[in-house]
């Protein structure tokens, strides 16, 4: 009986740790934006855009989209990096976290 209670206690403790870690990651995503580093290589950002846009909605940075202008690789890369960050929790080496919202005009980051 004590063995079952100990196993249950260990399992509940593990679930609590997982839930806490998940909440911490969600809070990190809610409080930050992942934007392109100014020194990120253009070729690397283009490769990332091709990769990420197969997994996220890149319509806002396509012609006619609310985030199409300015048509720079840094601007489009920043939008894609943040959308990918929202989906996966990963802000890769091309990006950096910032706490201020990079949205502008009618372009709203995810």
N, C-alpha and C. Protein backbone atom coordinates (compact mmCIF):
# COMPACT_ATOMS: atom_id res chain seq x y z
N UNK A 1 0.82 -1.19 0.00
CA UNK A 1 0.00 0.00 0.00
C UNK A 1 0.87 1.26 0.00
N UNK A 2 1.90 1.27 0.86
CA UNK A 2 2.79 2.43 0.93
C UNK A 2 3.53 2.60 -0.39
N UNK A 3 3.87 1.48 -1.04
CA UNK A 3 4.57 1.54 -2.32
C UNK A 3 3.69 2.22 -3.38
N UNK A 4 2.40 1.88 -3.40
CA UNK A 4 1.47 2.50 -4.35
C UNK A 4 1.30 3.99 -4.07
N UNK A 5 1.23 4.35 -2.80
CA UNK A 5 1.08 5.76 -2.43
C UNK A 5 2.32 6.55 -2.84
N UNK A 6 3.50 5.95 -2.64
CA UNK A 6 4.74 6.61 -3.03
C UNK A 6 4.82 6.78 -4.54
N UNK A 7 4.41 5.76 -5.28
CA UNK A 7 4.40 5.85 -6.74
C UNK A 7 3.45 6.94 -7.21
N UNK A 8 2.28 7.01 -6.60
CA UNK A 8 1.31 8.04 -6.95
C UNK A 8 1.85 9.43 -6.63
N UNK A 9 2.49 9.57 -5.48
CA UNK A 9 3.06 10.86 -5.10
C UNK A 9 4.15 11.29 -6.08
N UNK A 10 5.01 10.35 -6.48
CA UNK A 10 6.06 10.67 -7.45
C UNK A 10 5.47 11.07 -8.79
N UNK A 11 4.43 10.37 -9.22
CA UNK A 11 3.81 10.68 -10.50
C UNK A 11 3.15 12.05 -10.47
N UNK A 12 2.46 12.37 -9.39
CA UNK A 12 1.83 13.68 -9.26
C UNK A 12 2.88 14.79 -9.20
N UNK A 13 3.99 14.53 -8.54
CA UNK A 13 5.07 15.52 -8.48
C UNK A 13 5.64 15.78 -9.87
N UNK A 14 5.85 14.72 -10.63
CA UNK A 14 6.37 14.85 -11.99
C UNK A 14 5.39 15.64 -12.86
N UNK A 15 4.11 15.35 -12.75
CA UNK A 15 3.11 16.09 -13.51
C UNK A 15 3.11 17.57 -13.13
N UNK A 16 3.31 17.86 -11.86
CA UNK A 16 3.38 19.24 -11.41
C UNK A 16 4.57 19.98 -12.01
N UNK A 17 5.72 19.31 -12.08
CA UNK A 17 6.91 19.92 -12.68
C UNK A 17 6.69 20.18 -14.16
N UNK A 18 6.10 19.23 -14.87
CA UNK A 18 5.82 19.39 -16.30
C UNK A 18 4.84 20.55 -16.52
N UNK A 19 3.80 20.61 -15.72
CA UNK A 19 2.81 21.69 -15.86
C UNK A 19 3.45 23.05 -15.57
N UNK A 20 4.32 23.12 -14.56
CA UNK A 20 5.00 24.37 -14.24
C UNK A 20 5.91 24.80 -15.39
N UNK A 21 6.69 23.87 -15.94
CA UNK A 21 7.59 24.19 -17.05
C UNK A 21 6.81 24.65 -18.27
N UNK A 22 5.68 24.01 -18.54
CA UNK A 22 4.85 24.40 -19.67
C UNK A 22 4.28 25.80 -19.47
N UNK A 23 3.87 26.11 -18.25
CA UNK A 23 3.35 27.43 -17.94
C UNK A 23 4.44 28.49 -18.08
N UNK A 24 5.66 28.17 -17.64
CA UNK A 24 6.79 29.10 -17.77
C UNK A 24 7.05 29.40 -19.24
N UNK A 25 7.03 28.36 -20.10
CA UNK A 25 7.26 28.56 -21.53
C UNK A 25 6.14 29.41 -22.14
N UNK A 26 4.91 29.15 -21.76
CA UNK A 26 3.78 29.93 -22.27
C UNK A 26 3.91 31.39 -21.86
N UNK A 27 4.33 31.63 -20.62
CA UNK A 27 4.49 33.00 -20.14
C UNK A 27 5.62 33.69 -20.90
N UNK A 28 6.72 32.96 -21.17
CA UNK A 28 7.83 33.53 -21.93
C UNK A 28 7.36 33.96 -23.32
N UNK A 29 6.55 33.12 -23.95
CA UNK A 29 6.03 33.45 -25.27
C UNK A 29 5.07 34.63 -25.20
N UNK A 30 4.26 34.70 -24.16
CA UNK A 30 3.29 35.78 -24.06
C UNK A 30 3.97 37.13 -23.81
N UNK A 31 5.12 37.11 -23.14
CA UNK A 31 5.80 38.35 -22.76
C UNK A 31 6.86 38.80 -23.76
N UNK A 32 7.16 38.00 -24.76
CA UNK A 32 8.25 38.30 -25.69
C UNK A 32 7.86 38.10 -27.14
N UNK A 33 8.63 38.71 -27.99
CA UNK A 33 8.50 38.56 -29.44
C UNK A 33 9.86 38.14 -29.97
N UNK A 34 9.87 37.29 -30.97
CA UNK A 34 11.11 36.85 -31.60
C UNK A 34 11.24 37.60 -32.92
N UNK A 35 12.24 38.45 -33.02
CA UNK A 35 12.44 39.22 -34.25
C UNK A 35 13.83 38.94 -34.81
N UNK A 36 14.01 39.22 -36.08
CA UNK A 36 15.28 38.95 -36.75
C UNK A 36 16.40 39.82 -36.19
N UNK A 37 17.55 39.19 -36.00
CA UNK A 37 18.74 39.95 -35.63
C UNK A 37 19.15 40.79 -36.83
N UNK A 38 19.60 41.99 -36.59
CA UNK A 38 20.00 42.88 -37.68
C UNK A 38 21.19 42.32 -38.45
N UNK A 39 21.99 41.48 -37.80
CA UNK A 39 23.14 40.89 -38.48
C UNK A 39 22.86 39.48 -39.02
N UNK A 40 21.60 39.08 -39.00
CA UNK A 40 21.25 37.76 -39.56
C UNK A 40 21.50 37.80 -41.07
N UNK A 41 22.11 36.78 -41.58
CA UNK A 41 22.41 36.74 -43.01
C UNK A 41 21.14 36.66 -43.85
N UNK A 42 21.14 37.37 -44.98
CA UNK A 42 19.96 37.38 -45.85
C UNK A 42 19.67 35.99 -46.39
N UNK A 43 20.70 35.25 -46.79
CA UNK A 43 20.48 33.90 -47.31
C UNK A 43 19.89 32.99 -46.23
N UNK A 44 20.40 33.11 -45.01
CA UNK A 44 19.88 32.30 -43.91
C UNK A 44 18.43 32.65 -43.61
N UNK A 45 18.09 33.94 -43.64
CA UNK A 45 16.70 34.35 -43.42
C UNK A 45 15.79 33.85 -44.53
N UNK A 46 16.27 33.89 -45.78
CA UNK A 46 15.46 33.36 -46.89
C UNK A 46 15.22 31.87 -46.73
N UNK A 47 16.25 31.13 -46.32
CA UNK A 47 16.08 29.70 -46.08
C UNK A 47 15.08 29.46 -44.96
N UNK A 48 15.18 30.28 -43.90
CA UNK A 48 14.23 30.14 -42.80
C UNK A 48 12.81 30.43 -43.26
N UNK A 49 12.63 31.48 -44.07
CA UNK A 49 11.30 31.82 -44.58
C UNK A 49 10.71 30.65 -45.36
N UNK A 50 11.50 30.04 -46.23
CA UNK A 50 11.02 28.88 -47.00
C UNK A 50 10.63 27.73 -46.08
N UNK A 51 11.44 27.49 -45.05
CA UNK A 51 11.17 26.42 -44.10
C UNK A 51 9.93 26.74 -43.27
N UNK A 52 9.91 27.94 -42.67
CA UNK A 52 8.84 28.29 -41.73
C UNK A 52 7.49 28.45 -42.42
N UNK A 53 7.48 29.02 -43.61
CA UNK A 53 6.20 29.28 -44.29
C UNK A 53 5.51 27.99 -44.73
N UNK A 54 6.21 26.88 -44.67
CA UNK A 54 5.57 25.58 -44.91
C UNK A 54 4.83 25.11 -43.66
N UNK A 55 5.11 25.77 -42.52
CA UNK A 55 4.53 25.34 -41.25
C UNK A 55 3.63 26.39 -40.59
N UNK A 56 3.78 27.63 -40.98
CA UNK A 56 3.00 28.72 -40.38
C UNK A 56 2.27 29.49 -41.48
N UNK A 57 1.37 30.37 -41.07
CA UNK A 57 0.64 31.20 -42.03
C UNK A 57 1.47 32.43 -42.39
N UNK A 58 1.99 32.45 -43.61
CA UNK A 58 2.79 33.59 -44.07
C UNK A 58 1.99 34.52 -44.97
N UNK A 59 0.68 34.36 -45.04
CA UNK A 59 -0.14 35.24 -45.88
C UNK A 59 0.04 36.72 -45.54
N UNK A 60 0.20 37.10 -44.26
CA UNK A 60 0.37 38.52 -43.97
C UNK A 60 1.62 39.15 -44.61
N UNK A 61 2.65 38.35 -44.94
CA UNK A 61 3.85 38.92 -45.54
C UNK A 61 3.91 38.66 -47.05
N UNK A 62 2.81 38.19 -47.61
CA UNK A 62 2.71 38.01 -49.06
C UNK A 62 2.13 39.29 -49.68
N UNK A 63 2.31 39.49 -51.00
CA UNK A 63 1.74 40.69 -51.64
C UNK A 63 0.26 40.84 -51.29
N UNK A 64 -0.11 42.04 -50.87
CA UNK A 64 -1.49 42.31 -50.46
C UNK A 64 -1.74 42.08 -48.99
N UNK A 65 -0.80 41.42 -48.31
CA UNK A 65 -0.95 41.15 -46.88
C UNK A 65 -0.67 42.39 -46.05
N UNK A 66 -1.21 42.43 -44.85
CA UNK A 66 -1.07 43.60 -43.99
C UNK A 66 0.37 43.86 -43.54
N UNK A 67 1.23 42.85 -43.64
CA UNK A 67 2.62 43.01 -43.21
C UNK A 67 3.60 42.90 -44.38
N UNK A 68 3.10 43.00 -45.60
CA UNK A 68 3.97 42.90 -46.78
C UNK A 68 4.96 44.06 -46.86
N UNK A 69 4.49 45.26 -46.54
CA UNK A 69 5.37 46.44 -46.53
C UNK A 69 5.93 46.62 -45.12
N UNK A 70 7.16 46.96 -44.95
CA UNK A 70 8.17 47.12 -45.98
C UNK A 70 8.63 45.75 -46.50
N UNK A 71 9.01 45.73 -47.73
CA UNK A 71 9.41 44.48 -48.38
C UNK A 71 10.90 44.24 -48.17
N UNK A 72 11.27 44.06 -46.92
CA UNK A 72 12.67 43.75 -46.60
C UNK A 72 12.74 42.35 -45.99
N UNK A 73 13.88 41.72 -46.16
CA UNK A 73 14.06 40.38 -45.61
C UNK A 73 14.02 40.43 -44.08
N UNK A 74 14.51 41.51 -43.48
CA UNK A 74 14.47 41.64 -42.02
C UNK A 74 13.03 41.73 -41.53
N UNK A 75 12.21 42.53 -42.20
CA UNK A 75 10.81 42.69 -41.81
C UNK A 75 10.04 41.38 -41.98
N UNK A 76 10.15 40.77 -43.14
CA UNK A 76 9.44 39.51 -43.39
C UNK A 76 9.99 38.40 -42.49
N UNK A 77 11.31 38.39 -42.33
CA UNK A 77 11.92 37.39 -41.46
C UNK A 77 11.45 37.54 -40.02
N UNK A 78 11.33 38.77 -39.55
CA UNK A 78 10.88 39.01 -38.18
C UNK A 78 9.46 38.49 -37.97
N UNK A 79 8.59 38.75 -38.93
CA UNK A 79 7.21 38.27 -38.81
C UNK A 79 7.20 36.73 -38.75
N UNK A 80 7.95 36.10 -39.65
CA UNK A 80 7.97 34.63 -39.70
C UNK A 80 8.62 34.05 -38.45
N UNK A 81 9.70 34.66 -37.98
CA UNK A 81 10.35 34.18 -36.75
C UNK A 81 9.39 34.23 -35.58
N UNK A 82 8.63 35.32 -35.46
CA UNK A 82 7.70 35.42 -34.34
C UNK A 82 6.54 34.43 -34.47
N UNK A 83 6.01 34.27 -35.67
CA UNK A 83 4.92 33.30 -35.86
C UNK A 83 5.41 31.89 -35.54
N UNK A 84 6.64 31.57 -35.95
CA UNK A 84 7.23 30.26 -35.66
C UNK A 84 7.45 30.11 -34.16
N UNK A 85 7.90 31.18 -33.51
CA UNK A 85 8.10 31.19 -32.05
C UNK A 85 6.78 30.93 -31.33
N UNK A 86 5.71 31.56 -31.79
CA UNK A 86 4.40 31.34 -31.17
C UNK A 86 3.96 29.89 -31.31
N UNK A 87 4.27 29.28 -32.45
CA UNK A 87 3.84 27.91 -32.69
C UNK A 87 4.71 26.89 -31.95
N UNK A 88 6.03 27.12 -31.92
CA UNK A 88 6.95 26.10 -31.42
C UNK A 88 7.63 26.44 -30.11
N UNK A 89 7.64 27.73 -29.74
CA UNK A 89 8.38 28.13 -28.56
C UNK A 89 9.86 28.33 -28.82
N UNK A 90 10.27 28.23 -30.07
CA UNK A 90 11.68 28.33 -30.43
C UNK A 90 11.98 29.64 -31.16
N UNK A 91 12.89 30.41 -30.60
CA UNK A 91 13.42 31.60 -31.27
C UNK A 91 14.86 31.25 -31.63
N UNK A 92 15.08 30.87 -32.88
CA UNK A 92 16.39 30.32 -33.25
C UNK A 92 17.48 31.38 -33.32
N UNK A 93 18.66 30.98 -33.76
CA UNK A 93 19.83 31.87 -33.75
C UNK A 93 19.70 33.06 -34.69
N UNK A 94 18.75 33.03 -35.61
CA UNK A 94 18.53 34.17 -36.50
C UNK A 94 17.74 35.27 -35.80
N UNK A 95 17.10 34.92 -34.70
CA UNK A 95 16.24 35.87 -34.01
C UNK A 95 16.75 36.23 -32.63
N UNK A 96 16.09 37.22 -32.07
CA UNK A 96 16.36 37.63 -30.69
C UNK A 96 15.02 37.96 -30.04
N UNK A 97 14.95 37.74 -28.74
CA UNK A 97 13.73 38.05 -28.01
C UNK A 97 13.71 39.52 -27.62
N UNK A 98 12.54 40.12 -27.73
CA UNK A 98 12.35 41.48 -27.22
C UNK A 98 10.97 41.54 -26.59
N UNK A 99 10.83 42.44 -25.62
CA UNK A 99 9.56 42.52 -24.90
C UNK A 99 8.58 43.49 -25.54
N UNK A 100 9.06 44.43 -26.35
CA UNK A 100 8.14 45.38 -26.97
C UNK A 100 7.53 44.80 -28.25
N UNK A 101 6.28 45.08 -28.44
CA UNK A 101 5.52 44.57 -29.59
C UNK A 101 6.03 45.23 -30.88
N UNK A 102 6.50 44.42 -31.85
CA UNK A 102 7.01 44.99 -33.10
C UNK A 102 5.93 45.32 -34.12
N UNK A 103 4.67 45.14 -33.77
CA UNK A 103 3.57 45.45 -34.70
C UNK A 103 3.64 46.91 -35.11
N UNK A 104 3.17 47.20 -36.32
CA UNK A 104 3.18 48.57 -36.83
C UNK A 104 2.00 48.76 -37.76
N UNK A 105 1.53 49.99 -37.86
CA UNK A 105 0.38 50.34 -38.72
C UNK A 105 -0.70 49.26 -38.58
N UNK A 106 -1.10 48.64 -39.69
CA UNK A 106 -2.13 47.59 -39.64
C UNK A 106 -1.53 46.20 -39.47
N UNK A 107 -0.21 46.12 -39.47
CA UNK A 107 0.47 44.82 -39.31
C UNK A 107 0.53 44.46 -37.84
N UNK A 108 -0.15 43.38 -37.48
CA UNK A 108 -0.15 42.91 -36.10
C UNK A 108 0.58 41.57 -36.04
N UNK A 109 1.59 41.52 -35.19
CA UNK A 109 2.33 40.26 -35.01
C UNK A 109 1.44 39.27 -34.27
N UNK A 110 1.66 37.99 -34.53
CA UNK A 110 0.80 36.97 -33.90
C UNK A 110 0.79 37.04 -32.38
